[in-house]
Amino acid sequence: MRSEEPVPLHEEFIYCCGAATHVLKCGPWKDLSKDESKNLPRLLFMIIPGNPGLAGYYRTFIQALYCGLNQQYPVWVVSHAGHCKPPSGMEMIEDTDIKELEDVFGLNGQVEHKLNFLKKNVSKNIKLVLIAHSIGCYITLEMMKRASELQVLRSVLLFPTIERMAQSPQGKLMTPLLCKLRYVLYMPVYLLSFLPEGVKASLVRFALRGMKTCDESSITTSVNLFSVDCIANILYMASQEMMKVVERDSTTIKQNLKKLIFYYGIGDSWCPQHYYDEIKMDFPDGDIRLCEKGLRHAFVLDASKEMASMIADWLQDDLTKL
């Protein structure tokens, strides 16, 4: 019996809109920007993460999805601007006089950051499947609204935080913390940042001990959260989410309804079930599903493979029509 071939995974740290960005690319295609290349794939699967928007959390997910798609299409995940700890010798913000984007770490900046990434790194001729998670779903709807020229074949919105975030059970808890007290968290993070890497990993394991099976790459990725720069950018973006993600953008949803798949969780304290009931009522013809498997909002911690296999199933029809 032959051992499974390792899935080709390519890792890059780049500046996008002047901010440090971590990109993980699954598959043999490293450059999709050059039109003249004969073997360009027809389709790119791009993952837009939740918050914290660290690409490493999606490592297992993109590998499983790539295999579930019979290794025919590239699957990439792009971190949010400034959420990754850049390698030594690379700063969080590019050292140039040109200010590419006002407030790149804010919610609006993160939308422009993803559009800029696509513009610079992906040929216009390549169709896109956008797979978004949590606040990534809000970002994805904004991308579709602002750049209608994008060739989006499908957008899959997982556990979508696209409305009334501050009013959700988790939002009520977190809003005062994020909007008024977030600076208080910087000091302990700063002190913890001096711990050896092994001790940090042990602390993460302890924090996630309630899970039966925890994805190993989640543990190594979570060690990034001991960096004050990363935490500051993560919490700043989260505070903006509470203030800006208020009304659901039904206009954009209506315009793109045939391209959208929504997947809501049961008992998800960021988008409670009545949000699902209401959107289902407003868009009876939409593909709006409720999770029956009991997956958690942060599915990447323990259910990446299961989620990837479901998505590959959902998109089978689209892919045969390509």
Foldseek 3Di string as FASTA:
>chain_A
DDDDDDWDKDWDWDAFLQFTKIKIKTAPDDFAADPVDPPRAQEEEEEQEAFVFDQLLCVVLQSLLCVLLVVRHMYMYMGQGQQFDDDPPDDRGHPDPDNRDPPLLAPVNRLVRVVRCCNRGHYQSHEYEYEYAECRQLSVLVNCVVCVSHRYQAYEYEQYLQAQQCVFQVNVVCQCCLQPPVVVVLVVLQVCLPDDLVVQLVVLCVVVVVDPDWDPSVSSRCSRCSDSSNSVSSSNRVNNCNVPRHDHPVVSCVVCQVRYAYEHEDPARRQHCVNLVVVCVVCVPGNYYYDPPRQYSSNSTPNSNVVSNVVSVVCVVVVVVD
